Amino acid sequence: MLTHLDACWRAQLRSLDTLRDGLGWRGLLRGAPLQSFRLDALEAFEAMRRDVRQRALAAFFALPDMDPERVEALEGRGGRAPSRFST
């Protein structure tokens, strides 16, 4: 999940660089380049945020179910996984 978040963040930064590079042309077309940049950057950030959230939820719900016997064993040990170094 962190790998995906990192990849999305790097893509977001590249997107902002592209927006910044086209800032001069936007100023000629729309008249307010800084406002235009802010709106486009906010839209890109919201799209990235939705994508990260969607993938995180998909990864969470794709987790395999635990075996009921294993759950009982973990509950009996106070929620700790059995240690191969236990005495």
PDB file of N, CA and C in Angstrom:
ATOM      1  N   MET A   1       0.827  -1.179   0.000  1.00  0.00           N
ATOM      2  CA  MET A   1       0.000   0.000   0.000  1.00  0.00           C
ATOM      3  C   MET A   1       0.883   1.258   0.000  1.00  0.00           C
ATOM      4  N   LEU A   2       1.950   1.245   0.774  1.00  0.00           N
ATOM      5  CA  LEU A   2       2.845   2.405   0.789  1.00  0.00           C
ATOM      6  C   LEU A   2       3.532   2.605  -0.557  1.00  0.00           C
ATOM      7  N   THR A   3       3.797   1.503  -1.237  1.00  0.00           N
ATOM      8  CA  THR A   3       4.406   1.609  -2.567  1.00  0.00           C
ATOM      9  C   THR A   3       3.466   2.338  -3.518  1.00  0.00           C
ATOM     10  N   HIS A   4       2.187   1.994  -3.434  1.00  0.00           N
ATOM     11  CA  HIS A   4       1.212   2.663  -4.297  1.00  0.00           C
ATOM     12  C   HIS A   4       1.090   4.141  -3.929  1.00  0.00           C
ATOM     13  N   LEU A   5       1.063   4.433  -2.643  1.00  0.00           N
ATOM     14  CA  LEU A   5       0.983   5.825  -2.200  1.00  0.00           C
ATOM     15  C   LEU A   5       2.190   6.620  -2.704  1.00  0.00           C
ATOM     16  N   ASP A   6       3.365   6.026  -2.616  1.00  0.00           N
ATOM     17  CA  ASP A   6       4.574   6.696  -3.102  1.00  0.00           C
ATOM     18  C   ASP A   6       4.513   6.938  -4.606  1.00  0.00           C
ATOM     19  N   ALA A   7       4.044   5.941  -5.347  1.00  0.00           N
ATOM     20  CA  ALA A   7       3.932   6.095  -6.802  1.00  0.00           C
ATOM     21  C   ALA A   7       2.920   7.186  -7.157  1.00  0.00           C
ATOM     22  N   CYS A   8       1.808   7.224  -6.441  1.00  0.00           N
ATOM     23  CA  CYS A   8       0.806   8.269  -6.695  1.00  0.00           C
ATOM     24  C   CYS A   8       1.359   9.649  -6.362  1.00  0.00           C
ATOM     25  N   TRP A   9       2.121   9.743  -5.285  1.00  0.00           N
ATOM     26  CA  TRP A   9       2.676  11.031  -4.898  1.00  0.00           C
ATOM     27  C   TRP A   9       3.695  11.514  -5.931  1.00  0.00           C
ATOM     28  N   ARG A  10       4.535  10.598  -6.430  1.00  0.00           N
ATOM     29  CA  ARG A  10       5.492  10.988  -7.463  1.00  0.00           C
ATOM     30  C   ARG A  10       4.772  11.438  -8.732  1.00  0.00           C
ATOM     31  N   ALA A  11       3.692  10.750  -9.089  1.00  0.00           N
ATOM     32  CA  ALA A  11       2.899  11.153 -10.257  1.00  0.00           C
ATOM     33  C   ALA A  11       2.266  12.526 -10.020  1.00  0.00           C
ATOM     34  N   GLN A  12       1.827  12.771  -8.787  1.00  0.00           N
ATOM     35  CA  GLN A  12       1.259  14.082  -8.441  1.00  0.00           C
ATOM     36  C   GLN A  12       2.298  15.185  -8.620  1.00  0.00           C
ATOM     37  N   LEU A  13       3.510  14.945  -8.163  1.00  0.00           N
ATOM     38  CA  LEU A  13       4.574  15.946  -8.305  1.00  0.00           C
ATOM     39  C   LEU A  13       4.906  16.204  -9.771  1.00  0.00           C
ATOM     40  N   ARG A  14       4.928  15.128 -10.584  1.00  0.00           N
ATOM     41  CA  ARG A  14       5.166  15.315 -12.026  1.00  0.00           C
ATOM     42  C   ARG A  14       4.032  16.122 -12.648  1.00  0.00           C
ATOM     43  N   SER A  15       2.799  15.843 -12.200  1.00  0.00           N
ATOM     44  CA  SER A  15       1.643  16.583 -12.706  1.00  0.00           C
ATOM     45  C   SER A  15       1.751  18.067 -12.363  1.00  0.00           C
ATOM     46  N   LEU A  16       2.183  18.363 -11.140  1.00  0.00           N
ATOM     47  CA  LEU A  16       2.356  19.770 -10.746  1.00  0.00           C
ATOM     48  C   LEU A  16       3.453  20.444 -11.560  1.00  0.00           C
ATOM     49  N   ASP A  17       4.531  19.710 -11.865  1.00  0.00           N
ATOM     50  CA  ASP A  17       5.581  20.277 -12.712  1.00  0.00           C
ATOM     51  C   ASP A  17       5.035  20.623 -14.091  1.00  0.00           C
ATOM     52  N   THR A  18       4.210  19.719 -14.634  1.00  0.00           N
ATOM     53  CA  THR A  18       3.612  19.966 -15.946  1.00  0.00           C
ATOM     54  C   THR A  18       2.686  21.176 -15.900  1.00  0.00           C
ATOM     55  N   LEU A  19       1.892  21.268 -14.834  1.00  0.00           N
ATOM     56  CA  LEU A  19       1.010  22.436 -14.682  1.00  0.00           C
ATOM     57  C   LEU A  19       1.815  23.723 -14.580  1.00  0.00           C
ATOM     58  N   ARG A  20       2.896  23.675 -13.817  1.00  0.00           N
ATOM     59  CA  ARG A  20       3.723  24.866 -13.636  1.00  0.00           C
ATOM     60  C   ARG A  20       4.376  25.278 -14.951  1.00  0.00           C
ATOM     61  N   ASP A  21       4.818  24.288 -15.742  1.00  0.00           N
ATOM     62  CA  ASP A  21       5.442  24.603 -17.032  1.00  0.00           C
ATOM     63  C   ASP A  21       4.467  25.288 -17.985  1.00  0.00           C
ATOM     64  N   GLY A  22       3.190  24.935 -17.900  1.00  0.00           N
ATOM     65  CA  GLY A  22       2.194  25.537 -18.783  1.00  0.00           C
ATOM     66  C   GLY A  22       1.529  26.761 -18.202  1.00  0.00           C
ATOM     67  N   LEU A  23       2.065  27.271 -17.109  1.00  0.00           N
ATOM     68  CA  LEU A  23       1.450  28.403 -16.412  1.00  0.00           C
ATOM     69  C   LEU A  23       1.381  29.657 -17.287  1.00  0.00           C
ATOM     70  N   GLY A  24       2.408  29.926 -18.041  1.00  0.00           N
ATOM     71  CA  GLY A  24       2.417  31.117 -18.895  1.00  0.00           C
ATOM     72  C   GLY A  24       1.330  31.076 -19.955  1.00  0.00           C
ATOM     73  N   TRP A  25       1.144  29.909 -20.573  1.00  0.00           N
ATOM     74  CA  TRP A  25       0.109  29.772 -21.592  1.00  0.00           C
ATOM     75  C   TRP A  25      -1.279  29.909 -20.981  1.00  0.00           C
ATOM     76  N   ARG A  26      -1.440  29.401 -19.787  1.00  0.00           N
ATOM     77  CA  ARG A  26      -2.739  29.518 -19.113  1.00  0.00           C
ATOM     78  C   ARG A  26      -3.064  30.982 -18.844  1.00  0.00           C
ATOM     79  N   GLY A  27      -2.053  31.740 -18.485  1.00  0.00           N
ATOM     80  CA  GLY A  27      -2.263  33.155 -18.216  1.00  0.00           C
ATOM     81  C   GLY A  27      -2.785  33.890 -19.439  1.00  0.00           C
ATOM     82  N   LEU A  28      -2.270  33.496 -20.602  1.00  0.00           N
ATOM     83  CA  LEU A  28      -2.741  34.129 -21.835  1.00  0.00           C
ATOM     84  C   LEU A  28      -4.180  33.741 -22.155  1.00  0.00           C
ATOM     85  N   LEU A  29      -4.544  32.492 -21.833  1.00  0.00           N
ATOM     86  CA  LEU A  29      -5.877  32.004 -22.184  1.00  0.00           C
ATOM     87  C   LEU A  29      -6.944  32.399 -21.168  1.00  0.00           C
ATOM     88  N   ARG A  30      -6.626  32.301 -19.892  1.00  0.00           N
ATOM     89  CA  ARG A  30      -7.654  32.505 -18.869  1.00  0.00           C
ATOM     90  C   ARG A  30      -7.529  33.834 -18.142  1.00  0.00           C
ATOM     91  N   GLY A  31      -6.395  34.428 -18.169  1.00  0.00           N
ATOM     92  CA  GLY A  31      -6.245  35.733 -17.539  1.00  0.00           C
ATOM     93  C   GLY A  31      -5.690  35.709 -16.123  1.00  0.00           C
ATOM     94  N   ALA A  32      -5.942  34.674 -15.332  1.00  0.00           N
ATOM     95  CA  ALA A  32      -5.464  34.591 -13.951  1.00  0.00           C
ATOM     96  C   ALA A  32      -4.674  33.299 -13.786  1.00  0.00           C
ATOM     97  N   PRO A  33      -3.382  33.306 -14.143  1.00  0.00           N
ATOM     98  CA  PRO A  33      -2.618  32.052 -14.155  1.00  0.00           C
ATOM     99  C   PRO A  33      -2.469  31.397 -12.786  1.00  0.00           C
ATOM    100  N   LEU A  34      -2.272  32.177 -11.747  1.00  0.00           N
ATOM    101  CA  LEU A  34      -2.086  31.587 -10.424  1.00  0.00           C
ATOM    102  C   LEU A  34      -3.371  30.917  -9.940  1.00  0.00           C
ATOM    103  N   GLN A  35      -4.488  31.577 -10.139  1.00  0.00           N
ATOM    104  CA  GLN A  35      -5.776  30.987  -9.747  1.00  0.00           C
ATOM    105  C   GLN A  35      -6.038  29.719 -10.554  1.00  0.00           C
ATOM    106  N   SER A  36      -5.729  29.752 -11.831  1.00  0.00           N
ATOM    107  CA  SER A  36      -5.905  28.593 -12.687  1.00  0.00           C
ATOM    108  C   SER A  36      -5.038  27.427 -12.203  1.00  0.00           C
ATOM    109  N   PHE A  37      -3.781  27.724 -11.857  1.00  0.00           N
ATOM    110  CA  PHE A  37      -2.867  26.697 -11.353  1.00  0.00           C
ATOM    111  C   PHE A  37      -3.410  26.082 -10.069  1.00  0.00           C
ATOM    112  N   ARG A  38      -3.885  26.920  -9.175  1.00  0.00           N
ATOM    113  CA  ARG A  38      -4.411  26.416  -7.891  1.00  0.00           C
ATOM    114  C   ARG A  38      -5.604  25.496  -8.102  1.00  0.00           C
ATOM    115  N   LEU A  39      -6.521  25.888  -8.975  1.00  0.00           N
ATOM    116  CA  LEU A  39      -7.698  25.054  -9.232  1.00  0.00           C
ATOM    117  C   LEU A  39      -7.310  23.724  -9.868  1.00  0.00           C
ATOM    118  N   ASP A  40      -6.425  23.766 -10.863  1.00  0.00           N
ATOM    119  CA  ASP A  40      -5.989  22.533 -11.521  1.00  0.00           C
ATOM    120  C   ASP A  40      -5.198  21.644 -10.572  1.00  0.00           C
ATOM    121  N   ALA A  41      -4.365  22.236  -9.725  1.00  0.00           N
ATOM    122  CA  ALA A  41      -3.581  21.465  -8.761  1.00  0.00           C
ATOM    123  C   ALA A  41      -4.499  20.814  -7.730  1.00  0.00           C
ATOM    124  N   LEU A  42      -5.522  21.531  -7.296  1.00  0.00           N
ATOM    125  CA  LEU A  42      -6.467  20.973  -6.337  1.00  0.00           C
ATOM    126  C   LEU A  42      -7.241  19.806  -6.949  1.00  0.00           C
ATOM    127  N   GLU A  43      -7.658  19.941  -8.196  1.00  0.00           N
ATOM    128  CA  GLU A  43      -8.362  18.849  -8.877  1.00  0.00           C
ATOM    129  C   GLU A  43      -7.466  17.621  -8.996  1.00  0.00           C
ATOM    130  N   ALA A  44      -6.198  17.833  -9.344  1.00  0.00           N
ATOM    131  CA  ALA A  44      -5.260  16.711  -9.467  1.00  0.00           C
ATOM    132  C   ALA A  44      -5.030  16.046  -8.111  1.00  0.00           C
ATOM    133  N   PHE A  45      -4.923  16.831  -7.057  1.00  0.00           N
ATOM    134  CA  PHE A  45      -4.712  16.274  -5.726  1.00  0.00           C
ATOM    135  C   PHE A  45      -5.928  15.463  -5.274  1.00  0.00           C
ATOM    136  N   GLU A  46      -7.118  15.984  -5.516  1.00  0.00           N
ATOM    137  CA  GLU A  46      -8.336  15.260  -5.133  1.00  0.00           C
ATOM    138  C   GLU A  46      -8.449  13.945  -5.905  1.00  0.00           C
ATOM    139  N   ALA A  47      -8.079  13.953  -7.180  1.00  0.00           N
ATOM    140  CA  ALA A  47      -8.096  12.716  -7.972  1.00  0.00           C
ATOM    141  C   ALA A  47      -7.101  11.706  -7.408  1.00  0.00           C
ATOM    142  N   MET A  48      -5.905  12.174  -7.021  1.00  0.00           N
ATOM    143  CA  MET A  48      -4.906  11.284  -6.428  1.00  0.00           C
ATOM    144  C   MET A  48      -5.424  10.726  -5.106  1.00  0.00           C
ATOM    145  N   ARG A  49      -6.040  11.563  -4.304  1.00  0.00           N
ATOM    146  CA  ARG A  49      -6.556  11.136  -3.010  1.00  0.00           C
ATOM    147  C   ARG A  49      -7.641  10.076  -3.161  1.00  0.00           C
ATOM    148  N   ARG A  50      -8.528  10.267  -4.130  1.00  0.00           N
ATOM    149  CA  ARG A  50      -9.577   9.267  -4.386  1.00  0.00           C
ATOM    150  C   ARG A  50      -8.965   7.939  -4.827  1.00  0.00           C
ATOM    151  N   ASP A  51      -7.950   8.015  -5.695  1.00  0.00           N
ATOM    152  CA  ASP A  51      -7.292   6.801  -6.182  1.00  0.00           C
ATOM    153  C   ASP A  51      -6.605   6.051  -5.043  1.00  0.00           C
ATOM    154  N   VAL A  52      -5.900   6.768  -4.180  1.00  0.00           N
ATOM    155  CA  VAL A  52      -5.213   6.125  -3.056  1.00  0.00           C
ATOM    156  C   VAL A  52      -6.238   5.484  -2.126  1.00  0.00           C
ATOM    157  N   ARG A  53      -7.301   6.186  -1.836  1.00  0.00           N
ATOM    158  CA  ARG A  53      -8.340   5.648  -0.949  1.00  0.00           C
ATOM    159  C   ARG A  53      -8.976   4.400  -1.544  1.00  0.00           C
ATOM    160  N   GLN A  54      -9.295   4.456  -2.842  1.00  0.00           N
ATOM    161  CA  GLN A  54      -9.926   3.319  -3.498  1.00  0.00           C
ATOM    162  C   GLN A  54      -9.005   2.101  -3.472  1.00  0.00           C
ATOM    163  N   ARG A  55      -7.736   2.304  -3.756  1.00  0.00           N
ATOM    164  CA  ARG A  55      -6.804   1.169  -3.758  1.00  0.00           C
ATOM    165  C   ARG A  55      -6.539   0.640  -2.354  1.00  0.00           C
ATOM    166  N   ALA A  56      -6.511   1.517  -1.370  1.00  0.00           N
ATOM    167  CA  ALA A  56      -6.314   1.070   0.010  1.00  0.00           C
ATOM    168  C   ALA A  56      -7.499   0.211   0.457  1.00  0.00           C
ATOM    169  N   LEU A  57      -8.705   0.643   0.130  1.00  0.00           N
ATOM    170  CA  LEU A  57      -9.877  -0.145   0.484  1.00  0.00           C
ATOM    171  C   LEU A  57      -9.891  -1.479  -0.256  1.00  0.00           C
ATOM    172  N   ALA A  58      -9.510  -1.465  -1.522  1.00  0.00           N
ATOM    173  CA  ALA A  58      -9.453  -2.706  -2.286  1.00  0.00           C
ATOM    174  C   ALA A  58      -8.433  -3.666  -1.686  1.00  0.00           C
ATOM    175  N   ALA A  59      -7.284  -3.142  -1.272  1.00  0.00           N
ATOM    176  CA  ALA A  59      -6.256  -3.994  -0.656  1.00  0.00           C
ATOM    177  C   ALA A  59      -6.738  -4.533   0.684  1.00  0.00           C
ATOM    178  N   PHE A  60      -7.434  -3.704   1.452  1.00  0.00           N
ATOM    179  CA  PHE A  60      -7.937  -4.136   2.757  1.00  0.00           C
ATOM    180  C   PHE A  60      -8.955  -5.263   2.604  1.00  0.00           C
ATOM    181  N   PHE A  61      -9.890  -5.109   1.685  1.00  0.00           N
ATOM    182  CA  PHE A  61     -10.922  -6.124   1.527  1.00  0.00           C
ATOM    183  C   PHE A  61     -10.426  -7.357   0.780  1.00  0.00           C
ATOM    184  N   ALA A  62      -9.241  -7.286   0.208  1.00  0.00           N
ATOM    185  CA  ALA A  62      -8.671  -8.448  -0.467  1.00  0.00           C
ATOM    186  C   ALA A  62      -7.847  -9.317   0.484  1.00  0.00           C
ATOM    187  N   LEU A  63      -7.729  -8.909   1.756  1.00  0.00           N
ATOM    188  CA  LEU A  63      -6.980  -9.705   2.726  1.00  0.00           C
ATOM    189  C   LEU A  63      -7.658 -11.051   2.914  1.00  0.00           C
ATOM    190  N   PRO A  64      -6.870 -12.103   3.031  1.00  0.00           N
ATOM    191  CA  PRO A  64      -7.476 -13.422   3.210  1.00  0.00           C
ATOM    192  C   PRO A  64      -8.090 -13.561   4.607  1.00  0.00           C
ATOM    193  N   ASP A  65      -9.130 -14.365   4.700  1.00  0.00           N
ATOM    194  CA  ASP A  65      -9.739 -14.644   5.992  1.00  0.00           C
ATOM    195  C   ASP A  65      -8.800 -15.523   6.814  1.00  0.00           C
ATOM    196  N   MET A  66      -8.781 -15.291   8.102  1.00  0.00           N
ATOM    197  CA  MET A  66      -7.943 -16.102   8.976  1.00  0.00           C
ATOM    198  C   MET A  66      -8.701 -17.355   9.391  1.00  0.00           C
ATOM    199  N   ASP A  67      -7.964 -18.409   9.580  1.00  0.00           N
ATOM    200  CA  ASP A  67      -8.503 -19.665  10.051  1.00  0.00           C
ATOM    201  C   ASP A  67      -9.037 -19.471  11.475  1.00  0.00           C
ATOM    202  N   PRO A  68     -10.280 -19.905  11.774  1.00  0.00           N
ATOM    203  CA  PRO A  68     -10.838 -19.702  13.116  1.00  0.00           C
ATOM    204  C   PRO A  68      -9.954 -20.282  14.235  1.00  0.00           C
ATOM    205  N   GLU A  69      -9.295 -21.400  13.984  1.00  0.00           N
ATOM    206  CA  GLU A  69      -8.412 -21.974  15.007  1.00  0.00           C
ATOM    207  C   GLU A  69      -7.237 -21.046  15.286  1.00  0.00           C
ATOM    208  N   ARG A  70      -6.721 -20.424  14.251  1.00  0.00           N
ATOM    209  CA  ARG A  70      -5.600 -19.493  14.432  1.00  0.00           C
ATOM    210  C   ARG A  70      -6.054 -18.257  15.211  1.00  0.00           C
ATOM    211  N   VAL A  71      -7.267 -17.778  14.933  1.00  0.00           N
ATOM    212  CA  VAL A  71      -7.805 -16.626  15.655  1.00  0.00           C
ATOM    213  C   VAL A  71      -7.929 -16.967  17.140  1.00  0.00           C
ATOM    214  N   GLU A  72      -8.456 -18.147  17.439  1.00  0.00           N
ATOM    215  CA  GLU A  72      -8.592 -18.569  18.841  1.00  0.00           C
ATOM    216  C   GLU A  72      -7.227 -18.665  19.510  1.00  0.00           C
ATOM    217  N   ALA A  73      -6.246 -19.193  18.787  1.00  0.00           N
ATOM    218  CA  ALA A  73      -4.896 -19.310  19.352  1.00  0.00           C
ATOM    219  C   ALA A  73      -4.320 -17.927  19.639  1.00  0.00           C
ATOM    220  N   LEU A  74      -4.554 -16.964  18.747  1.00  0.00           N
ATOM    221  CA  LEU A  74      -4.057 -15.609  18.973  1.00  0.00           C
ATOM    222  C   LEU A  74      -4.770 -14.948  20.142  1.00  0.00           C
ATOM    223  N   GLU A  75      -6.074 -15.181  20.244  1.00  0.00           N
ATOM    224  CA  GLU A  75      -6.818 -14.597  21.354  1.00  0.00           C
ATOM    225  C   GLU A  75      -6.368 -15.176  22.683  1.00  0.00           C
ATOM    226  N   GLY A  76      -6.034 -16.444  22.706  1.00  0.00           N
ATOM    227  CA  GLY A  76      -5.565 -17.086  23.926  1.00  0.00           C
ATOM    228  C   GLY A  76      -4.199 -16.598  24.359  1.00  0.00           C
ATOM    229  N   ARG A  77      -3.428 -16.023  23.452  1.00  0.00           N
ATOM    230  CA  ARG A  77      -2.094 -15.507  23.764  1.00  0.00           C
ATOM    231  C   ARG A  77      -2.121 -13.992  23.928  1.00  0.00           C
ATOM    232  N   GLY A  78      -3.283 -13.443  24.139  1.00  0.00           N
ATOM    233  CA  GLY A  78      -3.390 -11.997  24.325  1.00  0.00           C
ATOM    234  C   GLY A  78      -3.241 -11.232  23.019  1.00  0.00           C
ATOM    235  N   GLY A  79      -3.574 -11.885  21.905  1.00  0.00           N
ATOM    236  CA  GLY A  79      -3.503 -11.219  20.608  1.00  0.00           C
ATOM    237  C   GLY A  79      -2.123 -11.263  19.974  1.00  0.00           C
ATOM    238  N   ARG A  80      -1.172 -11.890  20.659  1.00  0.00           N
ATOM    239  CA  ARG A  80       0.184 -11.966  20.099  1.00  0.00           C
ATOM    240  C   ARG A  80       0.310 -13.215  19.248  1.00  0.00           C
ATOM    241  N   ALA A  81       1.050 -13.092  18.196  1.00  0.00           N
ATOM    242  CA  ALA A  81       1.317 -14.237  17.346  1.00  0.00           C
ATOM    243  C   ALA A  81       2.260 -15.189  18.059  1.00  0.00           C
ATOM    244  N   PRO A  82       2.117 -16.481  17.839  1.00  0.00           N
ATOM    245  CA  PRO A  82       3.022 -17.420  18.477  1.00  0.00           C
ATOM    246  C   PRO A  82       4.471 -17.139  18.067  1.00  0.00           C
ATOM    247  N   SER A  83       5.341 -17.194  19.016  1.00  0.00           N
ATOM    248  CA  SER A  83       6.747 -16.910  18.752  1.00  0.00           C
ATOM    249  C   SER A  83       7.525 -18.206  18.646  1.00  0.00           C
ATOM    250  N   ARG A  84       8.420 -18.278  17.703  1.00  0.00           N
ATOM    251  CA  ARG A  84       9.242 -19.489  17.589  1.00  0.00           C
ATOM    252  C   ARG A  84      10.348 -19.489  18.628  1.00  0.00           C
ATOM    253  N   PHE A  85      10.496 -18.359  19.347  1.00  0.00           N
ATOM    254  CA  PHE A  85      11.524 -18.259  20.377  1.00  0.00           C
ATOM    255  C   PHE A  85      10.935 -18.368  21.779  1.00  0.00           C
ATOM    256  N   SER A  86       9.656 -18.793  21.893  1.00  0.00           N
ATOM    257  CA  SER A  86       9.032 -18.836  23.227  1.00  0.00           C
ATOM    258  C   SER A  86       9.659 -19.942  24.067  1.00  0.00           C
ATOM    259  N   THR A  87       9.605 -19.773  25.369  1.00  0.00           N
ATOM    260  CA  THR A  87      10.213 -20.746  26.272  1.00  0.00           C
ATOM    261  C   THR A  87       9.219 -21.727  26.787  1.00  0.00           C
TER     262      THR A  87
END
